[in-house]
Amino acid sequence: MPCCTKEEVESAIAAAYEAFPAWSQKSLSARTQMMFKWRNVLLAHIDELTVLCAKELGKNLDEARGDVLKAIEPTEHACSLPTLMQGDASLQVTTGFDTATYRVPLGVVAGIVPF
């Protein structure tokens, strides 16, 4: 059974498109801080999320808590990405010519994830 309606999904997509221009202009530091805030929200609600997970999946609380912690790990990884994904540069590829790789926001994406 779906957890939301088609209209709710469309509303979320529209909100993401609306937010993208401002988000893509935020500094790397500001975006990283927002990811840390999201991580802290997840941790602050870990007990509630554990109960929801247990009810949804029919697991005991210990297993459900493990699932919630496993879901938090990608957020923590995302917090570290700014230092891991710096881009690349090659100097003097040929005389007087350097190359660089830049990572830039492309737009709204969606995913269906297991948690």
Protein backbone atom coordinates (compact mmCIF):
# COMPACT_ATOMS: atom_id res chain seq x y z
CA MET A 1 0.00 0.00 0.00
CA PRO A 2 1.49 3.38 -0.98
CA CYS A 3 2.46 5.71 1.85
CA CYS A 4 1.51 8.80 -0.14
CA THR A 5 -0.72 9.90 -2.98
CA LYS A 6 0.23 10.78 -6.53
CA GLU A 7 -0.53 14.41 -5.68
CA GLU A 8 1.88 14.32 -2.72
CA VAL A 9 4.62 12.94 -4.96
CA GLU A 10 3.95 15.62 -7.58
CA SER A 11 3.98 18.28 -4.85
CA ALA A 12 7.36 17.05 -3.58
CA ILE A 13 8.79 17.10 -7.11
CA ALA A 14 7.49 20.63 -7.70
CA ALA A 15 8.98 21.79 -4.38
CA ALA A 16 12.35 20.24 -5.33
CA TYR A 17 12.34 22.03 -8.69
CA GLU A 18 11.48 25.30 -6.95
CA ALA A 19 14.25 24.85 -4.36
CA PHE A 20 16.94 23.74 -6.83
CA PRO A 21 18.14 27.16 -8.06
CA ALA A 22 18.78 28.45 -4.54
CA TRP A 23 20.22 25.09 -3.35
CA SER A 24 22.64 24.86 -6.27
CA GLN A 25 23.96 28.34 -5.45
CA LYS A 26 24.63 27.54 -1.78
CA SER A 27 28.25 27.19 -0.82
CA LEU A 28 29.73 23.77 -0.25
CA SER A 29 30.01 24.57 3.43
CA ALA A 30 26.33 25.56 3.71
CA ARG A 31 25.17 22.40 1.92
CA THR A 32 27.37 20.24 4.13
CA GLN A 33 26.00 21.89 7.27
CA MET A 34 22.45 21.15 6.10
CA MET A 35 23.35 17.46 5.70
CA PHE A 36 24.75 17.44 9.24
CA LYS A 37 21.50 18.99 10.48
CA TRP A 38 19.53 16.26 8.69
CA ARG A 39 21.73 13.61 10.34
CA ASN A 40 21.04 15.18 13.73
CA VAL A 41 17.27 15.15 13.08
CA LEU A 42 17.45 11.44 12.26
CA LEU A 43 19.42 10.74 15.43
CA ALA A 44 17.06 12.86 17.54
CA HIS A 45 14.12 10.77 16.32
CA ILE A 46 15.83 7.39 16.29
CA ASP A 47 13.43 5.85 18.84
CA GLU A 48 10.34 6.96 16.91
CA LEU A 49 11.86 5.79 13.62
CA THR A 50 12.75 2.45 15.21
CA VAL A 51 9.15 1.86 16.29
CA LEU A 52 7.84 2.85 12.84
CA CYS A 53 10.33 0.52 11.18
CA ALA A 54 9.43 -2.35 13.52
CA LYS A 55 5.71 -1.90 12.79
CA GLU A 56 6.22 -1.60 9.04
CA LEU A 57 8.56 -4.57 8.70
CA GLY A 58 7.36 -6.76 11.56
CA LYS A 59 10.80 -6.81 13.17
CA ASN A 60 11.76 -6.72 16.80
CA LEU A 61 13.04 -3.39 18.11
CA ASP A 62 16.71 -4.35 18.07
CA GLU A 63 16.58 -5.37 14.41
CA ALA A 64 14.53 -2.29 13.51
CA ARG A 65 17.02 -0.01 15.29
CA GLY A 66 19.80 -1.63 13.28
CA ASP A 67 17.89 -0.85 10.10
CA VAL A 68 17.45 2.78 11.13
CA LEU A 69 21.14 3.10 11.95
CA LYS A 70 21.96 1.53 8.59
CA ALA A 71 19.78 4.17 6.92
CA ILE A 72 21.67 6.94 8.73
CA GLU A 73 25.03 5.74 7.40
CA PRO A 74 24.50 7.11 3.85
CA THR A 75 23.67 10.50 5.35
CA GLU A 76 26.92 10.43 7.29
CA HIS A 77 28.72 9.46 4.09
CA ALA A 78 27.07 12.39 2.29
CA CYS A 79 28.43 14.68 5.03
CA SER A 80 31.95 13.58 4.11
CA LEU A 81 31.58 13.83 0.33
CA PRO A 82 32.76 17.44 0.05
CA THR A 83 36.19 16.37 1.25
CA LEU A 84 36.18 13.12 -0.74
CA MET A 85 34.98 14.54 -4.07
CA GLN A 86 37.23 17.48 -4.76
CA GLY A 87 37.41 17.10 -8.53
CA ASP A 88 40.59 16.53 -10.50
CA ALA A 89 43.10 18.68 -12.27
CA SER A 90 45.92 17.80 -14.62
CA LEU A 91 48.48 20.46 -15.24
CA GLN A 92 50.37 20.74 -18.50
CA VAL A 93 48.39 18.05 -20.34
CA THR A 94 50.10 19.56 -23.30
CA THR A 95 52.21 22.68 -23.39
CA GLY A 96 50.25 25.51 -21.82
CA PHE A 97 47.09 23.44 -21.46
CA ASP A 98 45.56 22.29 -18.16
CA THR A 99 42.39 20.27 -17.62
CA ALA A 100 39.99 20.25 -14.69
CA THR A 101 36.96 18.22 -13.64
CA TYR A 102 34.16 20.04 -11.83
CA ARG A 103 31.24 18.53 -9.98
CA VAL A 104 28.12 20.66 -10.28
CA PRO A 105 24.48 20.11 -9.29
CA LEU A 106 22.47 18.87 -12.27
CA GLY A 107 18.91 19.09 -10.98
CA VAL A 108 16.14 17.14 -9.31
CA VAL A 109 16.46 13.37 -9.07
CA ALA A 110 14.28 10.75 -7.43
CA GLY A 111 14.95 7.29 -6.12
CA ILE A 112 13.07 4.39 -4.67
CA VAL A 113 15.15 3.12 -1.78
CA PRO A 114 14.73 0.16 0.55
CA PHE A 115 14.58 2.34 3.68
